[in-house]
Amino acid sequence: MRLRLLGGIVVVLFLTIFFGASTSALSLRIAPLSYETTLGRGESKKGFVDIANSDTTVQTVKLEVQAFRQVGDDGSLQYYTDERIAAGIRLDYDEVAIGPHQTLRLAFGIDGKKLPEGDVFAVIFASTTPRGVSSATQSVRVGTLLMIQNGTPSSHAASVSELSVPFLQVGDTIQAQLAVTNTADPALSTGFFPSVKIDLMPYTSTTSKGPLVFGGRTRSIEYRQPGNYFGFILVRASVGTESRSRVVFAMTGYWRWLAPLVGVVLVSIFYAWLRWRKKQTLKKPKKVTRIPVH
């Protein structure tokens, strides 16, 4: 009796988990995840995003445009309603039904005359509408971030505020941690992707696009450069004309085993040379000094 009762409980739990997961597994995808464009003064453009319904049933999807800004140095974003953003970015639909396993190509228009001048940050949200009041029914929201430079470009300036590099670098890569600060006034709605240059002197130099940094915010960047490096290296991080440097000692890649091997060989050769010198010294006849007898 107890085994039957336990078996029944297990079956009920399994069915609950299985059907609950199937009911709530609404899948909505959007691409691209980010969209960047530049508008001349008063210019208009048209763009597209693809919204895919991976569920087995028709999904009613609500579409809206909001503005966003960074609210912390960890890259967290805050979404909010802005009438100028909503007026300047118009969608073909406010709400649409997407069939099972179908993809909607959503067109949107960007009107530079209605948007604020300079940097504009917006997001196109697509949200499923719950089909009932069941607790298993969940709403899914996905979005595409829009980064628009409208008309006169905003002033962009950043600096390397921190550079942390372990002195001893042993492993597969050279590693460093740096922080990039947007020096613009935090009250201004400005932001950009700073170009970060890393020099490993005298070996190599790389330049890459950093993370989005709003005015007054600081973002951390983890740097890893794989390769075979040995010896003292000057690590220099630069953003614009600002830079910070650190000296490290590296033994990476094949140098991790080659350098100790070469060291052992050199020490062995030096030790053998010392023994040989000692033997040669012992073989030499001692010079006898004779005292004359009168």
Protein backbone atom coordinates (compact mmCIF):
# COMPACT_ATOMS: atom_id res chain seq x y z
CA MET A 1 0.00 0.00 0.00
CA ARG A 2 2.78 2.39 0.93
CA LEU A 3 4.69 1.57 -2.27
CA ARG A 4 1.58 2.27 -4.38
CA LEU A 5 1.02 5.57 -2.59
CA LEU A 6 4.67 6.56 -3.08
CA GLY A 7 4.52 5.55 -6.73
CA GLY A 8 1.39 7.62 -7.25
CA ILE A 9 3.04 10.69 -5.71
CA VAL A 10 6.08 10.28 -7.98
CA VAL A 11 3.84 10.01 -11.07
CA VAL A 12 1.86 13.12 -10.09
CA LEU A 13 5.06 15.09 -9.53
CA PHE A 14 6.48 13.95 -12.87
CA LEU A 15 3.31 14.91 -14.77
CA THR A 16 3.18 18.27 -12.99
CA ILE A 17 6.79 19.09 -13.85
CA PHE A 18 6.50 17.82 -17.43
CA PHE A 19 3.24 19.54 -18.38
CA GLY A 20 4.04 22.63 -16.32
CA ALA A 21 7.34 23.06 -18.16
CA SER A 22 5.67 22.48 -21.53
CA THR A 23 2.91 25.00 -20.82
CA SER A 24 5.23 27.76 -19.63
CA ALA A 25 8.00 27.22 -22.18
CA LEU A 26 7.01 30.14 -24.38
CA SER A 27 9.95 30.94 -26.60
CA LEU A 28 10.30 34.31 -28.31
CA ARG A 29 13.49 35.44 -29.99
CA ILE A 30 14.50 38.73 -31.57
CA ALA A 31 17.41 39.57 -33.87
CA PRO A 32 19.57 41.54 -33.99
CA LEU A 33 20.09 42.22 -30.29
CA SER A 34 21.59 45.64 -31.05
CA TYR A 35 21.27 48.12 -33.91
CA GLU A 36 23.56 51.09 -34.55
CA THR A 37 23.05 53.85 -37.10
CA THR A 38 23.97 57.47 -37.82
CA LEU A 39 21.51 60.10 -39.08
CA GLY A 40 22.37 63.37 -40.76
CA ARG A 41 20.50 66.47 -39.63
CA GLY A 42 16.80 65.90 -40.34
CA GLU A 43 17.42 62.53 -42.01
CA SER A 44 15.09 59.52 -41.78
CA LYS A 45 15.94 55.83 -42.07
CA LYS A 46 14.17 52.50 -42.06
CA GLY A 47 15.29 49.37 -40.20
CA PHE A 48 14.13 45.82 -39.54
CA VAL A 49 14.14 43.31 -36.70
CA ASP A 50 13.10 39.66 -36.86
CA ILE A 51 10.84 38.27 -34.14
CA ALA A 52 10.55 34.47 -34.04
CA ASN A 53 7.93 32.40 -32.24
CA SER A 54 9.37 28.98 -31.36
CA ASP A 55 6.24 27.84 -29.53
CA THR A 56 3.73 25.35 -30.93
CA THR A 57 0.81 27.79 -30.65
CA VAL A 58 -0.02 31.23 -31.99
CA GLN A 59 1.40 34.02 -29.82
CA THR A 60 -0.05 37.49 -29.50
CA VAL A 61 2.90 39.85 -29.29
CA LYS A 62 2.77 43.42 -28.01
CA LEU A 63 5.33 45.84 -29.47
CA GLU A 64 6.55 49.10 -27.97
CA VAL A 65 9.47 51.54 -28.00
CA GLN A 66 11.15 52.87 -24.85
CA ALA A 67 14.30 54.77 -23.98
CA PHE A 68 17.10 53.35 -21.85
CA ARG A 69 20.08 54.54 -19.81
CA GLN A 70 22.79 53.02 -17.65
CA VAL A 71 22.14 53.18 -13.92
CA GLY A 72 25.29 51.56 -12.56
CA ASP A 73 28.91 50.78 -13.31
CA ASP A 74 28.03 47.11 -13.87
CA GLY A 75 26.24 47.97 -17.12
CA SER A 76 22.70 47.68 -15.71
CA LEU A 77 20.07 49.41 -17.85
CA GLN A 78 16.92 51.29 -16.87
CA TYR A 79 14.05 51.43 -19.37
CA TYR A 80 11.61 54.32 -19.31
CA THR A 81 8.96 56.03 -21.43
CA ASP A 82 10.08 59.05 -23.47
CA GLU A 83 7.56 60.78 -25.76
CA ARG A 84 10.25 62.10 -28.13
CA ILE A 85 11.75 58.62 -28.54
CA ALA A 86 8.31 57.06 -29.14
CA ALA A 87 7.47 59.78 -31.71
CA GLY A 88 10.81 59.48 -33.52
CA ILE A 89 10.83 55.67 -33.77
CA ARG A 90 7.63 54.30 -35.26
CA LEU A 91 6.78 50.60 -35.57
CA ASP A 92 4.60 48.98 -38.26
CA TYR A 93 2.53 47.26 -35.56
CA ASP A 94 1.58 47.83 -31.94
CA GLU A 95 0.33 44.26 -31.58
CA VAL A 96 0.55 41.26 -33.88
CA ALA A 97 -0.18 37.52 -33.88
CA ILE A 98 2.76 35.28 -34.83
CA GLY A 99 2.01 31.70 -35.81
CA PRO A 100 3.81 28.65 -34.42
CA HIS A 101 7.42 28.41 -35.58
CA GLN A 102 7.02 31.55 -37.67
CA THR A 103 9.14 34.69 -37.90
CA LEU A 104 7.84 38.24 -38.27
CA ARG A 105 10.03 40.82 -40.00
CA LEU A 106 9.12 44.03 -38.20
CA ALA A 107 9.90 47.29 -39.98
CA PHE A 108 10.49 50.51 -38.06
CA GLY A 109 11.11 54.08 -39.15
CA ILE A 110 13.58 56.49 -37.51
CA ASP A 111 12.78 60.20 -37.94
CA GLY A 112 15.73 62.42 -37.08
CA LYS A 113 13.51 65.53 -37.02
CA LYS A 114 11.53 64.20 -34.06
CA LEU A 115 14.39 62.64 -32.08
CA PRO A 116 16.67 64.55 -29.71
CA GLU A 117 19.96 65.82 -31.15
CA GLY A 118 23.10 63.81 -30.43
CA ASP A 119 23.13 60.37 -28.82
CA VAL A 120 19.79 58.55 -28.76
CA PHE A 121 19.31 55.26 -26.91
CA ALA A 122 16.11 53.29 -27.39
CA VAL A 123 14.82 49.73 -27.25
CA ILE A 124 12.18 47.88 -29.27
CA PHE A 125 10.38 45.48 -26.94
CA ALA A 126 8.35 42.45 -28.02
CA SER A 127 6.24 40.85 -25.27
CA THR A 128 3.90 37.88 -25.36
CA THR A 129 0.39 38.37 -24.01
CA PRO A 130 -0.66 35.65 -21.50
CA ARG A 131 -3.55 33.55 -22.85
CA GLY A 132 -5.18 32.96 -19.48
CA VAL A 133 -5.00 33.42 -15.75
CA SER A 134 -3.25 30.08 -15.15
CA SER A 135 -0.11 30.36 -13.04
CA ALA A 136 1.67 28.24 -15.65
CA THR A 137 1.17 30.94 -18.29
CA GLN A 138 4.07 33.35 -18.36
CA SER A 139 4.83 36.45 -20.38
CA VAL A 140 8.11 36.61 -22.29
CA ARG A 141 9.79 39.88 -23.26
CA VAL A 142 12.73 40.35 -25.61
CA GLY A 143 14.24 43.49 -27.06
CA THR A 144 16.64 45.09 -29.54
CA LEU A 145 18.78 47.99 -28.33
CA LEU A 146 19.00 50.95 -30.71
CA MET A 147 22.06 53.24 -30.55
CA ILE A 148 21.47 56.23 -32.82
CA GLN A 149 23.72 59.21 -33.49
CA ASN A 150 21.34 61.94 -34.64
CA GLY A 151 22.61 65.11 -36.29
CA THR A 152 25.49 66.83 -34.53
CA PRO A 153 27.62 64.19 -32.74
CA SER A 154 27.93 64.46 -28.97
CA SER A 155 31.36 65.03 -27.47
CA HIS A 156 32.87 61.67 -26.53
CA ALA A 157 35.86 61.37 -24.21
CA ALA A 158 37.02 58.59 -21.89
CA SER A 159 40.04 57.65 -19.81
CA VAL A 160 41.63 54.56 -18.30
CA SER A 161 40.84 55.08 -14.62
CA GLU A 162 42.34 51.79 -13.38
CA LEU A 163 44.81 49.17 -14.60
CA SER A 164 45.43 46.03 -12.54
CA VAL A 165 48.01 43.55 -13.84
CA PRO A 166 49.63 40.71 -11.82
CA PHE A 167 53.41 41.09 -12.00
CA LEU A 168 54.06 37.37 -12.58
CA GLN A 169 52.22 36.09 -15.67
CA VAL A 170 52.38 32.29 -15.98
CA GLY A 171 49.87 30.34 -18.06
CA ASP A 172 48.38 30.48 -21.54
CA THR A 173 47.66 34.22 -21.63
CA ILE A 174 48.70 37.68 -20.49
CA GLN A 175 45.90 38.93 -18.22
CA ALA A 176 44.89 42.40 -17.10
CA GLN A 177 41.89 44.15 -15.60
CA LEU A 178 41.16 47.76 -16.55
CA ALA A 179 38.42 50.29 -15.97
CA VAL A 180 37.27 52.85 -18.54
CA THR A 181 35.45 56.01 -17.42
CA ASN A 182 33.30 58.23 -19.62
CA THR A 183 34.35 61.71 -18.49
CA ALA A 184 31.21 63.46 -19.81
CA ASP A 185 28.69 65.12 -17.51
CA PRO A 186 26.41 62.41 -16.01
CA ALA A 187 23.44 64.75 -16.45
CA LEU A 188 23.84 64.55 -20.22
CA SER A 189 22.35 61.59 -22.06
CA THR A 190 25.57 60.63 -23.82
CA GLY A 191 27.31 57.33 -24.27
CA PHE A 192 29.58 55.52 -26.68
CA PHE A 193 31.77 52.48 -27.25
CA PRO A 194 35.34 53.68 -26.59
CA SER A 195 38.22 52.25 -28.59
CA VAL A 196 40.65 50.52 -26.21
CA LYS A 197 44.27 49.89 -27.24
CA ILE A 198 46.47 47.41 -25.37
CA ASP A 199 50.22 47.36 -26.03
CA LEU A 200 52.41 44.46 -24.92
CA MET A 201 55.78 46.05 -25.54
CA PRO A 202 57.91 44.93 -27.30
CA TYR A 203 55.70 42.11 -28.62
CA THR A 204 52.29 43.13 -29.93
CA SER A 205 49.47 45.69 -29.95
CA THR A 206 45.69 45.22 -30.21
CA THR A 207 42.80 47.67 -30.52
CA SER A 208 39.21 46.66 -29.82
CA LYS A 209 35.79 48.19 -29.25
CA GLY A 210 35.02 48.58 -25.57
CA PRO A 211 31.63 48.27 -23.82
CA LEU A 212 28.94 50.95 -23.94
CA VAL A 213 29.76 53.63 -21.31
CA PHE A 214 27.35 56.44 -20.43
CA GLY A 215 28.49 59.84 -19.18
CA GLY A 216 29.97 59.67 -15.69
CA ARG A 217 29.95 55.86 -15.66
CA THR A 218 32.84 53.42 -15.37
CA ARG A 219 32.99 49.98 -16.99
CA SER A 220 35.41 47.17 -16.22
CA ILE A 221 37.15 45.25 -19.00
CA GLU A 222 38.93 41.93 -18.64
CA TYR A 223 41.85 41.57 -21.07
CA ARG A 224 43.36 38.25 -22.13
CA GLN A 225 46.02 37.87 -24.81
CA PRO A 226 47.09 34.28 -25.59
CA GLY A 227 50.59 33.70 -26.90
CA ASN A 228 54.15 32.63 -26.19
CA TYR A 229 55.77 35.41 -24.15
CA PHE A 230 58.90 35.42 -22.02
CA GLY A 231 60.67 38.16 -20.12
CA PHE A 232 59.79 41.63 -18.90
CA ILE A 233 56.86 43.24 -20.74
CA LEU A 234 55.40 46.73 -20.53
CA VAL A 235 51.59 46.47 -20.51
CA ARG A 236 50.00 49.76 -21.56
CA ALA A 237 46.25 50.45 -21.83
CA SER A 238 45.15 53.52 -23.79
CA VAL A 239 41.83 55.22 -24.51
CA GLY A 240 42.30 58.31 -26.66
CA THR A 241 45.29 60.22 -25.32
CA GLU A 242 44.96 58.79 -21.80
CA SER A 243 46.97 55.70 -20.81
CA ARG A 244 48.27 53.68 -17.87
CA SER A 245 51.21 51.25 -17.81
CA ARG A 246 52.53 48.37 -15.74
CA VAL A 247 55.65 46.17 -16.03
CA VAL A 248 55.20 42.39 -15.74
CA PHE A 249 57.35 39.30 -16.03
CA ALA A 250 55.78 36.75 -18.37
CA MET A 251 56.38 33.07 -19.01
CA THR A 252 53.43 31.91 -21.11
CA GLY A 253 52.73 29.34 -23.80
CA TYR A 254 55.59 26.96 -24.55
CA TRP A 255 57.93 29.13 -22.47
CA ARG A 256 56.34 27.56 -19.37
CA TRP A 257 58.35 24.38 -19.98
CA LEU A 258 61.06 25.67 -22.32
CA ALA A 259 62.37 28.39 -19.98
CA PRO A 260 62.84 26.02 -16.97
CA LEU A 261 64.46 23.46 -19.30
CA VAL A 262 66.89 26.03 -20.67
CA GLY A 263 67.58 27.17 -17.11
CA VAL A 264 68.39 23.64 -15.97
CA VAL A 265 70.68 23.12 -18.97
CA LEU A 266 72.53 26.39 -18.34
CA VAL A 267 72.93 25.67 -14.63
CA SER A 268 74.21 22.16 -15.46
CA ILE A 269 76.71 23.58 -17.95
CA PHE A 270 77.89 26.18 -15.43
CA TYR A 271 78.25 23.53 -12.70
CA ALA A 272 80.20 21.22 -15.05
CA TRP A 273 82.49 24.11 -15.99
CA LEU A 274 83.19 24.85 -12.30
CA ARG A 275 84.12 21.19 -11.68
CA TRP A 276 86.37 21.17 -14.72
CA ARG A 277 88.13 24.33 -13.53
CA LYS A 278 88.62 22.78 -10.12
CA LYS A 279 90.15 19.64 -11.61
CA GLN A 280 92.47 21.67 -13.81
CA THR A 281 93.62 23.62 -10.79
CA LEU A 282 94.41 20.42 -8.85
CA LYS A 283 96.44 18.97 -11.75
CA LYS A 284 98.87 21.89 -11.89
CA PRO A 285 102.19 21.14 -10.01
CA LYS A 286 102.80 23.23 -7.00
CA LYS A 287 105.66 25.68 -7.31
CA VAL A 288 108.39 24.97 -4.69
CA THR A 289 110.29 27.92 -3.39
CA ARG A 290 113.93 27.09 -2.54
CA ILE A 291 115.78 28.99 0.12
CA PRO A 292 119.48 29.56 -0.78
CA VAL A 293 122.03 28.25 1.75
CA HIS A 294 125.09 30.48 2.50
